[in-house]
Amino acid sequence: MSDIAAMSFEDAMKELEAVVGKLERGDVPLEDSIKLYERGAKLKAHCDARLKAAEEKVARITLGADGQPSGLTPVEGL
């Protein structure tokens, strides 16, 4: 298993989907299910943090009439 903190959003999301799939099938022993659930929770938190960081970057960028970044404006609905 790779270090979650070093994972990209896409890699973490892909692994999270795999974890959910294994848990949904229900063919994993209880102890392994607990470990998978714990890893899944960490992956979800990592994805949430990466997504929030990306949203904050987007929120900082606004374009002026010349098409160049001109200021800070929060993005609604993200």
PDB file of N, CA and C in Angstrom:
ATOM      1  N   MET A   1       0.845  -1.193   0.000  1.00  0.00           N
ATOM      2  CA  MET A   1       0.000   0.000   0.000  1.00  0.00           C
ATOM      3  C   MET A   1       0.880   1.242   0.000  1.00  0.00           C
ATOM      4  N   SER A   2       0.511   2.196  -0.816  1.00  0.00           N
ATOM      5  CA  SER A   2       1.308   3.402  -0.917  1.00  0.00           C
ATOM      6  C   SER A   2       0.902   4.418   0.150  1.00  0.00           C
ATOM      7  N   ASP A   3       1.810   5.380   0.353  1.00  0.00           N
ATOM      8  CA  ASP A   3       1.583   6.433   1.326  1.00  0.00           C
ATOM      9  C   ASP A   3       0.476   7.353   0.825  1.00  0.00           C
ATOM     10  N   ILE A   4      -0.583   7.470   1.571  1.00  0.00           N
ATOM     11  CA  ILE A   4      -1.743   8.258   1.149  1.00  0.00           C
ATOM     12  C   ILE A   4      -1.375   9.726   0.971  1.00  0.00           C
ATOM     13  N   ALA A   5      -0.573  10.275   1.858  1.00  0.00           N
ATOM     14  CA  ALA A   5      -0.237  11.699   1.792  1.00  0.00           C
ATOM     15  C   ALA A   5       0.459  12.075   0.490  1.00  0.00           C
ATOM     16  N   ALA A   6       1.143  11.120  -0.129  1.00  0.00           N
ATOM     17  CA  ALA A   6       1.869  11.400  -1.370  1.00  0.00           C
ATOM     18  C   ALA A   6       1.017  11.158  -2.617  1.00  0.00           C
ATOM     19  N   MET A   7      -0.193  10.658  -2.442  1.00  0.00           N
ATOM     20  CA  MET A   7      -1.040  10.297  -3.580  1.00  0.00           C
ATOM     21  C   MET A   7      -1.702  11.519  -4.205  1.00  0.00           C
ATOM     22  N   SER A   8      -1.874  11.448  -5.519  1.00  0.00           N
ATOM     23  CA  SER A   8      -2.667  12.467  -6.205  1.00  0.00           C
ATOM     24  C   SER A   8      -4.140  12.220  -5.875  1.00  0.00           C
ATOM     25  N   PHE A   9      -4.960  13.211  -6.157  1.00  0.00           N
ATOM     26  CA  PHE A   9      -6.395  13.068  -5.949  1.00  0.00           C
ATOM     27  C   PHE A   9      -6.922  11.877  -6.744  1.00  0.00           C
ATOM     28  N   GLU A  10      -6.499  11.789  -8.006  1.00  0.00           N
ATOM     29  CA  GLU A  10      -6.997  10.738  -8.889  1.00  0.00           C
ATOM     30  C   GLU A  10      -6.596   9.348  -8.403  1.00  0.00           C
ATOM     31  N   ASP A  11      -5.348   9.201  -7.969  1.00  0.00           N
ATOM     32  CA  ASP A  11      -4.897   7.888  -7.475  1.00  0.00           C
ATOM     33  C   ASP A  11      -5.625   7.498  -6.195  1.00  0.00           C
ATOM     34  N   ALA A  12      -5.806   8.469  -5.307  1.00  0.00           N
ATOM     35  CA  ALA A  12      -6.509   8.190  -4.052  1.00  0.00           C
ATOM     36  C   ALA A  12      -7.967   7.830  -4.325  1.00  0.00           C
ATOM     37  N   MET A  13      -8.577   8.517  -5.271  1.00  0.00           N
ATOM     38  CA  MET A  13      -9.973   8.241  -5.601  1.00  0.00           C
ATOM     39  C   MET A  13     -10.113   6.844  -6.213  1.00  0.00           C
ATOM     40  N   LYS A  14      -9.170   6.480  -7.068  1.00  0.00           N
ATOM     41  CA  LYS A  14      -9.193   5.156  -7.696  1.00  0.00           C
ATOM     42  C   LYS A  14      -9.070   4.057  -6.631  1.00  0.00           C
ATOM     43  N   GLU A  15      -8.145   4.246  -5.682  1.00  0.00           N
ATOM     44  CA  GLU A  15      -7.987   3.251  -4.624  1.00  0.00           C
ATOM     45  C   GLU A  15      -9.213   3.216  -3.723  1.00  0.00           C
ATOM     46  N   LEU A  16      -9.781   4.383  -3.434  1.00  0.00           N
ATOM     47  CA  LEU A  16     -10.987   4.439  -2.606  1.00  0.00           C
ATOM     48  C   LEU A  16     -12.126   3.664  -3.269  1.00  0.00           C
ATOM     49  N   GLU A  17     -12.274   3.824  -4.570  1.00  0.00           N
ATOM     50  CA  GLU A  17     -13.307   3.073  -5.295  1.00  0.00           C
ATOM     51  C   GLU A  17     -13.060   1.570  -5.198  1.00  0.00           C
ATOM     52  N   ALA A  18     -11.800   1.162  -5.268  1.00  0.00           N
ATOM     53  CA  ALA A  18     -11.463  -0.262  -5.145  1.00  0.00           C
ATOM     54  C   ALA A  18     -11.795  -0.773  -3.744  1.00  0.00           C
ATOM     55  N   VAL A  19     -11.490   0.015  -2.731  1.00  0.00           N
ATOM     56  CA  VAL A  19     -11.795  -0.359  -1.348  1.00  0.00           C
ATOM     57  C   VAL A  19     -13.298  -0.531  -1.172  1.00  0.00           C
ATOM     58  N   VAL A  20     -14.061   0.423  -1.676  1.00  0.00           N
ATOM     59  CA  VAL A  20     -15.524   0.343  -1.558  1.00  0.00           C
ATOM     60  C   VAL A  20     -16.044  -0.902  -2.268  1.00  0.00           C
ATOM     61  N   GLY A  21     -15.497  -1.184  -3.437  1.00  0.00           N
ATOM     62  CA  GLY A  21     -15.913  -2.378  -4.175  1.00  0.00           C
ATOM     63  C   GLY A  21     -15.670  -3.655  -3.388  1.00  0.00           C
ATOM     64  N   LYS A  22     -14.493  -3.760  -2.769  1.00  0.00           N
ATOM     65  CA  LYS A  22     -14.182  -4.950  -1.966  1.00  0.00           C
ATOM     66  C   LYS A  22     -15.130  -5.075  -0.781  1.00  0.00           C
ATOM     67  N   LEU A  23     -15.401  -3.954  -0.125  1.00  0.00           N
ATOM     68  CA  LEU A  23     -16.293  -3.990   1.035  1.00  0.00           C
ATOM     69  C   LEU A  23     -17.724  -4.326   0.621  1.00  0.00           C
ATOM     70  N   GLU A  24     -18.158  -3.812  -0.524  1.00  0.00           N
ATOM     71  CA  GLU A  24     -19.523  -4.088  -0.988  1.00  0.00           C
ATOM     72  C   GLU A  24     -19.714  -5.556  -1.362  1.00  0.00           C
ATOM     73  N   ARG A  25     -18.661  -6.179  -1.903  1.00  0.00           N
ATOM     74  CA  ARG A  25     -18.780  -7.600  -2.263  1.00  0.00           C
ATOM     75  C   ARG A  25     -18.989  -8.466  -1.024  1.00  0.00           C
ATOM     76  N   GLY A  26     -18.418  -8.030   0.094  1.00  0.00           N
ATOM     77  CA  GLY A  26     -18.630  -8.746   1.341  1.00  0.00           C
ATOM     78  C   GLY A  26     -17.882 -10.055   1.473  1.00  0.00           C
ATOM     79  N   ASP A  27     -16.907 -10.301   0.619  1.00  0.00           N
ATOM     80  CA  ASP A  27     -16.178 -11.560   0.683  1.00  0.00           C
ATOM     81  C   ASP A  27     -14.814 -11.422   1.353  1.00  0.00           C
ATOM     82  N   VAL A  28     -14.651 -10.358   2.113  1.00  0.00           N
ATOM     83  CA  VAL A  28     -13.391 -10.084   2.808  1.00  0.00           C
ATOM     84  C   VAL A  28     -13.570 -10.456   4.281  1.00  0.00           C
ATOM     85  N   PRO A  29     -12.604 -11.161   4.869  1.00  0.00           N
ATOM     86  CA  PRO A  29     -12.696 -11.495   6.292  1.00  0.00           C
ATOM     87  C   PRO A  29     -12.852 -10.228   7.150  1.00  0.00           C
ATOM     88  N   LEU A  30     -13.460 -10.386   8.299  1.00  0.00           N
ATOM     89  CA  LEU A  30     -13.786  -9.254   9.166  1.00  0.00           C
ATOM     90  C   LEU A  30     -12.575  -8.375   9.473  1.00  0.00           C
ATOM     91  N   GLU A  31     -11.467  -8.974   9.875  1.00  0.00           N
ATOM     92  CA  GLU A  31     -10.275  -8.179  10.214  1.00  0.00           C
ATOM     93  C   GLU A  31      -9.783  -7.375   9.019  1.00  0.00           C
ATOM     94  N   ASP A  32      -9.798  -7.989   7.843  1.00  0.00           N
ATOM     95  CA  ASP A  32      -9.390  -7.286   6.629  1.00  0.00           C
ATOM     96  C   ASP A  32     -10.389  -6.185   6.284  1.00  0.00           C
ATOM     97  N   SER A  33     -11.664  -6.437   6.533  1.00  0.00           N
ATOM     98  CA  SER A  33     -12.691  -5.424   6.290  1.00  0.00           C
ATOM     99  C   SER A  33     -12.460  -4.196   7.148  1.00  0.00           C
ATOM    100  N   ILE A  34     -12.088  -4.407   8.383  1.00  0.00           N
ATOM    101  CA  ILE A  34     -11.823  -3.289   9.294  1.00  0.00           C
ATOM    102  C   ILE A  34     -10.633  -2.477   8.785  1.00  0.00           C
ATOM    103  N   LYS A  35      -9.577  -3.174   8.358  1.00  0.00           N
ATOM    104  CA  LYS A  35      -8.399  -2.474   7.825  1.00  0.00           C
ATOM    105  C   LYS A  35      -8.748  -1.716   6.553  1.00  0.00           C
ATOM    106  N   LEU A  36      -9.541  -2.349   5.691  1.00  0.00           N
ATOM    107  CA  LEU A  36      -9.967  -1.677   4.461  1.00  0.00           C
ATOM    108  C   LEU A  36     -10.804  -0.444   4.776  1.00  0.00           C
ATOM    109  N   TYR A  37     -11.708  -0.567   5.726  1.00  0.00           N
ATOM    110  CA  TYR A  37     -12.562   0.564   6.106  1.00  0.00           C
ATOM    111  C   TYR A  37     -11.708   1.720   6.632  1.00  0.00           C
ATOM    112  N   GLU A  38     -10.731   1.398   7.476  1.00  0.00           N
ATOM    113  CA  GLU A  38      -9.847   2.440   8.021  1.00  0.00           C
ATOM    114  C   GLU A  38      -9.070   3.128   6.902  1.00  0.00           C
ATOM    115  N   ARG A  39      -8.540   2.337   5.965  1.00  0.00           N
ATOM    116  CA  ARG A  39      -7.801   2.929   4.840  1.00  0.00           C
ATOM    117  C   ARG A  39      -8.743   3.767   3.985  1.00  0.00           C
ATOM    118  N   GLY A  40      -9.938   3.270   3.772  1.00  0.00           N
ATOM    119  CA  GLY A  40     -10.928   4.023   3.002  1.00  0.00           C
ATOM    120  C   GLY A  40     -11.247   5.358   3.638  1.00  0.00           C
ATOM    121  N   ALA A  41     -11.365   5.377   4.957  1.00  0.00           N
ATOM    122  CA  ALA A  41     -11.648   6.631   5.662  1.00  0.00           C
ATOM    123  C   ALA A  41     -10.486   7.619   5.479  1.00  0.00           C
ATOM    124  N   LYS A  42      -9.257   7.111   5.519  1.00  0.00           N
ATOM    125  CA  LYS A  42      -8.089   7.973   5.318  1.00  0.00           C
ATOM    126  C   LYS A  42      -8.027   8.482   3.882  1.00  0.00           C
ATOM    127  N   LEU A  43      -8.337   7.600   2.942  1.00  0.00           N
ATOM    128  CA  LEU A  43      -8.354   8.010   1.534  1.00  0.00           C
ATOM    129  C   LEU A  43      -9.410   9.080   1.290  1.00  0.00           C
ATOM    130  N   LYS A  44     -10.583   8.911   1.891  1.00  0.00           N
ATOM    131  CA  LYS A  44     -11.657   9.899   1.732  1.00  0.00           C
ATOM    132  C   LYS A  44     -11.228  11.248   2.293  1.00  0.00           C
ATOM    133  N   ALA A  45     -10.620  11.236   3.473  1.00  0.00           N
ATOM    134  CA  ALA A  45     -10.156  12.488   4.078  1.00  0.00           C
ATOM    135  C   ALA A  45      -9.104  13.156   3.195  1.00  0.00           C
ATOM    136  N   HIS A  46      -8.215  12.356   2.626  1.00  0.00           N
ATOM    137  CA  HIS A  46      -7.183  12.885   1.733  1.00  0.00           C
ATOM    138  C   HIS A  46      -7.823  13.509   0.488  1.00  0.00           C
ATOM    139  N   CYS A  47      -8.782  12.814  -0.112  1.00  0.00           N
ATOM    140  CA  CYS A  47      -9.477  13.341  -1.287  1.00  0.00           C
ATOM    141  C   CYS A  47     -10.201  14.635  -0.950  1.00  0.00           C
ATOM    142  N   ASP A  48     -10.870  14.667   0.190  1.00  0.00           N
ATOM    143  CA  ASP A  48     -11.566  15.885   0.616  1.00  0.00           C
ATOM    144  C   ASP A  48     -10.597  17.050   0.756  1.00  0.00           C
ATOM    145  N   ALA A  49      -9.438  16.800   1.361  1.00  0.00           N
ATOM    146  CA  ALA A  49      -8.446  17.855   1.565  1.00  0.00           C
ATOM    147  C   ALA A  49      -7.878  18.350   0.235  1.00  0.00           C
ATOM    148  N   ARG A  50      -7.585  17.416  -0.684  1.00  0.00           N
ATOM    149  CA  ARG A  50      -7.051  17.810  -1.998  1.00  0.00           C
ATOM    150  C   ARG A  50      -8.076  18.608  -2.785  1.00  0.00           C
ATOM    151  N   LEU A  51      -9.329  18.196  -2.710  1.00  0.00           N
ATOM    152  CA  LEU A  51     -10.394  18.895  -3.410  1.00  0.00           C
ATOM    153  C   LEU A  51     -10.588  20.290  -2.834  1.00  0.00           C
ATOM    154  N   LYS A  52     -10.572  20.401  -1.516  1.00  0.00           N
ATOM    155  CA  LYS A  52     -10.723  21.718  -0.876  1.00  0.00           C
ATOM    156  C   LYS A  52      -9.576  22.644  -1.264  1.00  0.00           C
ATOM    157  N   ALA A  53      -8.365  22.125  -1.304  1.00  0.00           N
ATOM    158  CA  ALA A  53      -7.212  22.939  -1.697  1.00  0.00           C
ATOM    159  C   ALA A  53      -7.367  23.429  -3.134  1.00  0.00           C
ATOM    160  N   ALA A  54      -7.846  22.559  -4.008  1.00  0.00           N
ATOM    161  CA  ALA A  54      -8.052  22.955  -5.404  1.00  0.00           C
ATOM    162  C   ALA A  54      -9.137  24.014  -5.513  1.00  0.00           C
ATOM    163  N   GLU A  55     -10.211  23.844  -4.752  1.00  0.00           N
ATOM    164  CA  GLU A  55     -11.292  24.823  -4.770  1.00  0.00           C
ATOM    165  C   GLU A  55     -10.813  26.181  -4.280  1.00  0.00           C
ATOM    166  N   GLU A  56      -9.953  26.181  -3.261  1.00  0.00           N
ATOM    167  CA  GLU A  56      -9.426  27.438  -2.741  1.00  0.00           C
ATOM    168  C   GLU A  56      -8.545  28.129  -3.775  1.00  0.00           C
ATOM    169  N   LYS A  57      -7.770  27.362  -4.536  1.00  0.00           N
ATOM    170  CA  LYS A  57      -6.949  27.954  -5.592  1.00  0.00           C
ATOM    171  C   LYS A  57      -7.832  28.586  -6.659  1.00  0.00           C
ATOM    172  N   VAL A  58      -8.881  27.874  -7.061  1.00  0.00           N
ATOM    173  CA  VAL A  58      -9.792  28.397  -8.074  1.00  0.00           C
ATOM    174  C   VAL A  58     -10.490  29.649  -7.554  1.00  0.00           C
ATOM    175  N   ALA A  59     -10.851  29.642  -6.282  1.00  0.00           N
ATOM    176  CA  ALA A  59     -11.549  30.782  -5.696  1.00  0.00           C
ATOM    177  C   ALA A  59     -10.694  32.045  -5.689  1.00  0.00           C
ATOM    178  N   ARG A  60      -9.381  31.891  -5.686  1.00  0.00           N
ATOM    179  CA  ARG A  60      -8.494  33.041  -5.647  1.00  0.00           C
ATOM    180  C   ARG A  60      -8.322  33.716  -7.011  1.00  0.00           C
ATOM    181  N   ILE A  61      -8.678  33.005  -8.052  1.00  0.00           N
ATOM    182  CA  ILE A  61      -8.407  33.506  -9.397  1.00  0.00           C
ATOM    183  C   ILE A  61      -9.667  34.126 -10.008  1.00  0.00           C
ATOM    184  N   THR A  62      -9.554  35.366 -10.427  1.00  0.00           N
ATOM    185  CA  THR A  62     -10.587  36.000 -11.239  1.00  0.00           C
ATOM    186  C   THR A  62      -9.880  36.646 -12.412  1.00  0.00           C
ATOM    187  N   LEU A  63     -10.557  36.745 -13.510  1.00  0.00           N
ATOM    188  CA  LEU A  63      -9.950  37.327 -14.691  1.00  0.00           C
ATOM    189  C   LEU A  63     -10.500  38.730 -14.930  1.00  0.00           C
ATOM    190  N   GLY A  64      -9.616  39.634 -15.288  1.00  0.00           N
ATOM    191  CA  GLY A  64     -10.011  40.986 -15.626  1.00  0.00           C
ATOM    192  C   GLY A  64     -10.436  41.066 -17.082  1.00  0.00           C
ATOM    193  N   ALA A  65     -10.792  42.261 -17.546  1.00  0.00           N
ATOM    194  CA  ALA A  65     -11.228  42.475 -18.926  1.00  0.00           C
ATOM    195  C   ALA A  65     -10.149  42.076 -19.922  1.00  0.00           C
ATOM    196  N   ASP A  66      -8.890  42.166 -19.509  1.00  0.00           N
ATOM    197  CA  ASP A  66      -7.790  41.808 -20.405  1.00  0.00           C
ATOM    198  C   ASP A  66      -7.498  40.306 -20.411  1.00  0.00           C
ATOM    199  N   GLY A  67      -8.271  39.535 -19.643  1.00  0.00           N
ATOM    200  CA  GLY A  67      -8.087  38.098 -19.594  1.00  0.00           C
ATOM    201  C   GLY A  67      -7.015  37.637 -18.629  1.00  0.00           C
ATOM    202  N   GLN A  68      -6.409  38.552 -17.919  1.00  0.00           N
ATOM    203  CA  GLN A  68      -5.360  38.231 -16.955  1.00  0.00           C
ATOM    204  C   GLN A  68      -5.947  38.133 -15.549  1.00  0.00           C
ATOM    205  N   PRO A  69      -5.372  37.281 -14.708  1.00  0.00           N
ATOM    206  CA  PRO A  69      -5.838  37.222 -13.319  1.00  0.00           C
ATOM    207  C   PRO A  69      -5.768  38.615 -12.690  1.00  0.00           C
ATOM    208  N   SER A  70      -6.855  39.012 -12.022  1.00  0.00           N
ATOM    209  CA  SER A  70      -6.883  40.378 -11.494  1.00  0.00           C
ATOM    210  C   SER A  70      -7.241  40.493 -10.021  1.00  0.00           C
ATOM    211  N   GLY A  71      -7.616  39.422  -9.378  1.00  0.00           N
ATOM    212  CA  GLY A  71      -7.968  39.578  -7.983  1.00  0.00           C
ATOM    213  C   GLY A  71      -8.452  38.306  -7.343  1.00  0.00           C
ATOM    214  N   LEU A  72      -8.946  38.459  -6.148  1.00  0.00           N
ATOM    215  CA  LEU A  72      -9.422  37.329  -5.365  1.00  0.00           C
ATOM    216  C   LEU A  72     -10.931  37.403  -5.245  1.00  0.00           C
ATOM    217  N   THR A  73     -11.590  36.354  -5.634  1.00  0.00           N
ATOM    218  CA  THR A  73     -13.041  36.285  -5.492  1.00  0.00           C
ATOM    219  C   THR A  73     -13.411  34.855  -5.161  1.00  0.00           C
ATOM    220  N   PRO A  74     -14.193  34.658  -4.107  1.00  0.00           N
ATOM    221  CA  PRO A  74     -14.604  33.286  -3.795  1.00  0.00           C
ATOM    222  C   PRO A  74     -15.532  32.745  -4.877  1.00  0.00           C
ATOM    223  N   VAL A  75     -15.420  31.454  -5.135  1.00  0.00           N
ATOM    224  CA  VAL A  75     -16.271  30.792  -6.109  1.00  0.00           C
ATOM    225  C   VAL A  75     -17.455  30.212  -5.349  1.00  0.00           C
ATOM    226  N   GLU A  76     -18.649  30.565  -5.748  1.00  0.00           N
ATOM    227  CA  GLU A  76     -19.853  30.089  -5.070  1.00  0.00           C
ATOM    228  C   GLU A  76     -20.197  28.669  -5.513  1.00  0.00           C
ATOM    229  N   GLY A  77     -20.739  27.902  -4.598  1.00  0.00           N
ATOM    230  CA  GLY A  77     -21.271  26.586  -4.910  1.00  0.00           C
ATOM    231  C   GLY A  77     -20.258  25.469  -5.032  1.00  0.00           C
ATOM    232  N   LEU A  78     -19.006  25.700  -4.697  1.00  0.00           N
ATOM    233  CA  LEU A  78     -18.031  24.618  -4.776  1.00  0.00           C
ATOM    234  C   LEU A  78     -17.896  23.914  -3.466  1.00  0.00           C
TER     235      LEU A  78
END
